[in-house]
Amino acid sequence: MQLKDKVAIITGAASGIGKEIAFEYSREGAKIVIADLNLEAATAAAKEISDAGGTAMAVAMNVTDEAQVDKGVADAVAAYGGVDVLISNAGIQIVHPLVDFPFEDWKKLMAIHADGAFLTARACMRAMIKQGKGGTILFMGSVHSYEASPLKAAYVTAKHGLVGLAKVIAKEGAKDHIRANVICPGFVRTPLVDKQIPEQAKALGISEADVIKNVMLKETVDGEFTTVADVAQTAIFLAAFPSSALTGQSIIVSHGWCMK
């Protein structure tokens, strides 16, 4: 029970990586706040955790909406007495060649990844400072926090930015014992990635099998997708780490695709 009685707010946790982290955190004793745009799905996920013997609640949260973010964090603090961990996980993917990238799509993706990380981190830092116990902020980055791929200008830009934001928080938060790190997975077989496969096949003029083998997994050491369990275990390790020796860092979980 590495996270016993810790309160963890996880954005985008009604499905995919966020949901897996929520369940693994619950098994480690954390109280879970499922923060998601889809309140119905978030409520269902929270019920699954509760039915399994954990403690969980759902809050509606559009991470690009300042008022909704602040209210969601305030509701979590009111229900559970504070917040110890934020996992800023909500995200989308939109692919286009740069020269054809609609500005509206660029702004939408950047708002969710960059503005959402800022707004949720700010709200949780304020709560952590007020409660005086410190805390952990984890951003869901990507191998694309360090590498680039065709068609992903907005995503690559946003994910690079999370590394810088975490470093600033690590420095500003140190006096209040707030740590910040970035988890950088390779391709994880989630609905978000499944959606990209036919999109990239069409954009690149290749088969879906070739997208998987020669684009997504080409640079891994074993040709394997990173799993949601791989990411969840990394999130547990970072939240349970006992000191500020590990802050302002990026942990790359990518089957060797990216080595730093």
Protein backbone atom coordinates (compact mmCIF):
# COMPACT_ATOMS: atom_id res chain seq x y z
CA MET A 1 0.00 0.00 0.00
CA GLN A 2 2.55 2.53 -1.19
CA LEU A 3 -0.04 5.29 -1.56
CA LYS A 4 -2.24 4.59 1.46
CA ASP A 5 -4.69 7.44 2.08
CA LYS A 6 -3.10 9.68 -0.56
CA VAL A 7 -5.64 11.69 -2.55
CA ALA A 8 -4.97 11.48 -6.28
CA ILE A 9 -6.70 13.58 -8.94
CA ILE A 10 -6.33 11.98 -12.35
CA THR A 11 -7.56 13.82 -15.42
CA GLY A 12 -8.85 11.93 -18.43
CA ALA A 13 -9.23 8.89 -16.17
CA ALA A 14 -12.53 7.53 -17.47
CA SER A 15 -10.65 5.40 -20.01
CA GLY A 16 -7.25 4.38 -21.30
CA ILE A 17 -4.04 5.09 -19.41
CA GLY A 18 -5.74 7.32 -16.87
CA LYS A 19 -8.24 4.64 -15.91
CA GLU A 20 -5.51 2.04 -15.49
CA ILE A 21 -3.54 4.40 -13.25
CA ALA A 22 -6.67 5.08 -11.20
CA PHE A 23 -7.23 1.37 -10.58
CA GLU A 24 -3.57 0.70 -9.75
CA TYR A 25 -3.45 3.70 -7.40
CA SER A 26 -6.58 2.43 -5.67
CA ARG A 27 -4.95 -0.96 -5.15
CA GLU A 28 -2.06 0.89 -3.52
CA GLY A 29 -4.46 2.56 -1.06
CA ALA A 30 -5.05 5.94 -2.68
CA LYS A 31 -8.35 7.81 -2.72
CA ILE A 32 -9.14 8.48 -6.35
CA VAL A 33 -10.73 11.45 -8.08
CA ILE A 34 -11.71 10.59 -11.66
CA ALA A 35 -11.71 13.96 -13.44
CA ASP A 36 -13.03 13.70 -16.96
CA LEU A 37 -14.97 15.57 -19.60
CA ASN A 38 -17.35 12.60 -19.75
CA LEU A 39 -19.00 12.64 -16.33
CA GLU A 40 -21.08 9.54 -17.05
CA ALA A 41 -18.00 7.48 -17.89
CA ALA A 42 -16.09 8.98 -14.94
CA THR A 43 -18.92 8.04 -12.58
CA ALA A 44 -18.93 4.50 -13.94
CA ALA A 45 -15.16 4.20 -13.44
CA ALA A 46 -15.42 5.53 -9.89
CA LYS A 47 -18.15 2.99 -9.17
CA GLU A 48 -15.94 0.18 -10.47
CA ILE A 49 -13.23 1.22 -8.05
CA SER A 50 -15.69 1.52 -5.17
CA ASP A 51 -17.23 -1.87 -5.97
CA ALA A 52 -13.72 -3.36 -5.83
CA GLY A 53 -13.28 -2.00 -2.30
CA GLY A 54 -11.55 1.27 -3.10
CA THR A 55 -12.49 4.88 -2.53
CA ALA A 56 -13.29 7.00 -5.55
CA MET A 57 -15.38 9.91 -6.76
CA ALA A 58 -16.02 11.50 -10.14
CA VAL A 59 -15.89 15.16 -11.09
CA ALA A 60 -16.76 16.75 -14.40
CA MET A 61 -13.70 18.51 -15.72
CA ASN A 62 -12.96 20.18 -19.00
CA VAL A 63 -9.27 20.86 -18.40
CA THR A 64 -9.37 23.91 -20.68
CA ASP A 65 -12.04 25.58 -18.50
CA GLU A 66 -10.46 27.51 -15.64
CA ALA A 67 -13.61 27.65 -13.51
CA GLN A 68 -14.36 23.96 -13.99
CA VAL A 69 -10.81 22.94 -13.09
CA ASP A 70 -10.80 25.06 -9.95
CA LYS A 71 -14.22 23.72 -8.91
CA GLY A 72 -13.23 20.11 -9.53
CA VAL A 73 -10.13 20.43 -7.38
CA ALA A 74 -12.09 22.27 -4.68
CA ASP A 75 -14.73 19.51 -4.68
CA ALA A 76 -12.03 16.86 -4.30
CA VAL A 77 -10.43 18.76 -1.42
CA ALA A 78 -13.81 19.18 0.28
CA ALA A 79 -14.60 15.48 -0.06
CA TYR A 80 -11.24 13.99 0.88
CA GLY A 81 -9.51 16.72 2.88
CA GLY A 82 -6.79 17.64 0.43
CA VAL A 83 -4.87 16.55 -2.65
CA ASP A 84 -1.53 14.75 -2.64
CA VAL A 85 -1.05 13.73 -6.27
CA LEU A 86 -2.10 15.23 -9.59
CA ILE A 87 -1.76 13.20 -12.74
CA SER A 88 -2.38 15.52 -15.67
CA ASN A 89 -3.27 12.89 -18.23
CA ALA A 90 -6.11 14.26 -20.36
CA GLY A 91 -5.15 14.49 -24.00
CA ILE A 92 -6.12 14.09 -27.62
CA GLN A 93 -4.33 13.50 -30.89
CA ILE A 94 -4.87 15.31 -34.20
CA VAL A 95 -2.64 14.56 -37.19
CA HIS A 96 -2.07 16.66 -40.31
CA PRO A 97 0.93 17.68 -42.37
CA LEU A 98 2.14 21.00 -41.01
CA VAL A 99 1.29 22.89 -44.19
CA ASP A 100 -2.30 21.63 -43.99
CA PHE A 101 -2.72 21.87 -40.20
CA PRO A 102 -5.91 23.84 -39.43
CA PHE A 103 -5.25 26.53 -36.85
CA GLU A 104 -8.42 25.56 -34.99
CA ASP A 105 -7.12 22.00 -34.60
CA TRP A 106 -3.75 23.34 -33.42
CA LYS A 107 -5.42 25.53 -30.79
CA LYS A 108 -7.71 22.71 -29.63
CA LEU A 109 -4.86 20.28 -29.05
CA MET A 110 -2.61 22.86 -27.41
CA ALA A 111 -5.43 23.96 -25.10
CA ILE A 112 -6.05 20.45 -23.80
CA HIS A 113 -2.40 19.47 -23.38
CA ALA A 114 -0.71 22.73 -22.41
CA ASP A 115 -3.46 24.90 -20.93
CA GLY A 116 -4.93 21.85 -19.19
CA ALA A 117 -1.61 20.96 -17.59
CA PHE A 118 -1.13 24.54 -16.42
CA LEU A 119 -4.64 24.96 -15.00
CA THR A 120 -4.75 21.64 -13.16
CA ALA A 121 -1.22 22.04 -11.82
CA ARG A 122 -1.94 25.56 -10.61
CA ALA A 123 -5.14 24.54 -8.81
CA CYS A 124 -3.50 21.52 -7.18
CA MET A 125 -0.38 23.44 -6.19
CA ARG A 126 -2.54 26.03 -4.46
CA ALA A 127 -4.29 23.26 -2.51
CA MET A 128 -1.00 21.51 -1.68
CA ILE A 129 0.59 24.74 -0.41
CA LYS A 130 -2.45 25.50 1.73
CA GLN A 131 -2.50 22.07 3.33
CA GLY A 132 1.25 22.22 4.02
CA LYS A 133 2.06 18.56 3.30
CA GLY A 134 3.71 18.88 -0.09
CA GLY A 135 2.67 16.75 -3.02
CA THR A 136 3.46 15.27 -6.40
CA ILE A 137 2.52 16.54 -9.85
CA LEU A 138 2.92 14.14 -12.75
CA PHE A 139 2.43 15.17 -16.36
CA MET A 140 1.68 12.58 -19.00
CA GLY A 141 4.28 13.37 -21.60
CA SER A 142 5.37 11.09 -24.40
CA VAL A 143 8.42 9.96 -26.30
CA HIS A 144 7.31 12.94 -28.36
CA SER A 145 8.43 15.10 -25.45
CA TYR A 146 11.89 14.43 -26.91
CA GLU A 147 11.40 13.04 -30.40
CA ALA A 148 9.43 14.17 -33.43
CA SER A 149 7.23 12.37 -35.92
CA PRO A 150 5.66 13.55 -39.16
CA LEU A 151 2.06 14.84 -38.97
CA LYS A 152 2.23 15.62 -35.24
CA ALA A 153 3.41 19.22 -35.04
CA ALA A 154 0.92 20.28 -32.38
CA TYR A 155 1.30 17.14 -30.26
CA VAL A 156 5.10 17.23 -30.34
CA THR A 157 5.12 20.92 -29.44
CA ALA A 158 2.73 20.41 -26.53
CA LYS A 159 4.55 17.37 -25.16
CA HIS A 160 7.91 19.15 -25.32
CA GLY A 161 6.33 21.99 -23.36
CA LEU A 162 5.30 19.72 -20.49
CA VAL A 163 8.95 18.96 -19.77
CA GLY A 164 9.66 22.66 -19.34
CA LEU A 165 6.58 23.19 -17.18
CA ALA A 166 7.57 20.34 -14.88
CA LYS A 167 11.05 21.82 -14.44
CA VAL A 168 9.59 25.20 -13.45
CA ILE A 169 7.20 23.57 -10.97
CA ALA A 170 10.06 21.52 -9.51
CA LYS A 171 11.95 24.74 -8.77
CA GLU A 172 9.00 26.85 -7.63
CA GLY A 173 7.44 24.03 -5.63
CA ALA A 174 10.58 22.89 -3.83
CA LYS A 175 10.11 25.17 -0.81
CA ASP A 176 6.66 23.64 -0.29
CA HIS A 177 7.87 20.06 -0.86
CA ILE A 178 6.03 19.76 -4.18
CA ARG A 179 7.75 17.54 -6.74
CA ALA A 180 7.02 17.49 -10.48
CA ASN A 181 7.99 14.87 -13.03
CA VAL A 182 6.95 13.74 -16.50
CA ILE A 183 6.09 10.22 -17.62
CA CYS A 184 7.01 9.75 -21.27
CA PRO A 185 5.49 6.57 -22.73
CA GLY A 186 6.06 5.18 -26.16
CA PHE A 187 3.04 4.07 -28.14
CA VAL A 188 0.43 2.55 -25.84
CA ARG A 189 -2.38 0.58 -27.48
CA THR A 190 -5.29 2.71 -26.32
CA PRO A 191 -8.32 3.97 -28.30
CA LEU A 192 -6.32 7.17 -28.94
CA VAL A 193 -3.55 5.20 -30.65
CA ASP A 194 -5.97 2.85 -32.43
CA LYS A 195 -7.58 5.93 -33.98
CA GLN A 196 -4.20 7.14 -35.25
CA ILE A 197 -3.34 3.95 -37.13
CA PRO A 198 -5.81 4.35 -40.03
CA GLU A 199 -5.30 8.12 -40.03
CA GLN A 200 -1.56 7.76 -40.46
CA ALA A 201 -1.98 4.96 -43.01
CA LYS A 202 -4.11 7.27 -45.13
CA ALA A 203 -1.85 10.30 -44.67
CA LEU A 204 1.35 8.35 -45.42
CA GLY A 205 -0.09 6.13 -48.15
CA ILE A 206 0.89 2.87 -46.44
CA SER A 207 -0.93 -0.05 -44.84
CA GLU A 208 -2.06 -0.07 -41.21
CA ALA A 209 0.32 -2.97 -40.55
CA ASP A 210 3.18 -0.86 -41.87
CA VAL A 211 2.15 2.03 -39.63
CA ILE A 212 2.47 -0.24 -36.60
CA LYS A 213 5.68 -1.99 -37.64
CA ASN A 214 7.58 0.69 -39.51
CA VAL A 215 6.32 3.90 -37.91
CA MET A 216 5.09 3.32 -34.38
CA LEU A 217 7.32 0.48 -33.22
CA LYS A 218 10.25 0.76 -35.63
CA GLU A 219 12.66 2.25 -33.09
CA THR A 220 11.80 -0.02 -30.13
CA VAL A 221 14.23 -2.76 -29.13
CA ASP A 222 11.60 -5.50 -29.25
CA GLY A 223 8.80 -4.33 -31.55
CA GLU A 224 6.37 -4.14 -28.63
CA PHE A 225 3.83 -1.56 -27.57
CA THR A 226 4.23 0.00 -24.12
CA THR A 227 1.34 -1.19 -21.95
CA VAL A 228 -1.00 0.75 -19.70
CA ALA A 229 0.36 -1.36 -16.83
CA ASP A 230 3.91 -0.20 -17.63
CA VAL A 231 2.79 3.41 -17.36
CA ALA A 232 0.73 2.85 -14.21
CA GLN A 233 3.65 1.22 -12.38
CA THR A 234 5.86 4.18 -13.30
CA ALA A 235 3.21 6.55 -11.93
CA ILE A 236 3.16 4.63 -8.65
CA PHE A 237 6.94 4.72 -8.38
CA LEU A 238 7.08 8.48 -8.94
CA ALA A 239 4.25 9.29 -6.52
CA ALA A 240 5.66 7.04 -3.80
CA PHE A 241 9.25 8.26 -4.13
CA PRO A 242 10.19 9.52 -0.67
CA SER A 243 12.20 12.66 -1.36
CA SER A 244 12.85 15.58 -3.68
CA ALA A 245 15.89 13.80 -5.10
CA LEU A 246 13.65 12.86 -8.01
CA THR A 247 12.03 16.04 -9.28
CA GLY A 248 12.07 17.96 -12.55
CA GLN A 249 12.78 14.72 -14.38
CA SER A 250 11.32 12.76 -17.27
CA ILE A 251 11.00 8.98 -17.13
CA ILE A 252 10.84 7.46 -20.62
CA VAL A 253 8.83 4.22 -20.79
CA SER A 254 9.21 3.18 -24.41
CA HIS A 255 10.81 -0.24 -24.90
CA GLY A 256 14.04 1.54 -25.77
CA TRP A 257 12.55 3.69 -28.54
CA CYS A 258 13.98 6.80 -26.94
CA MET A 259 17.05 6.63 -24.70
CA LYS A 260 18.20 9.71 -22.80
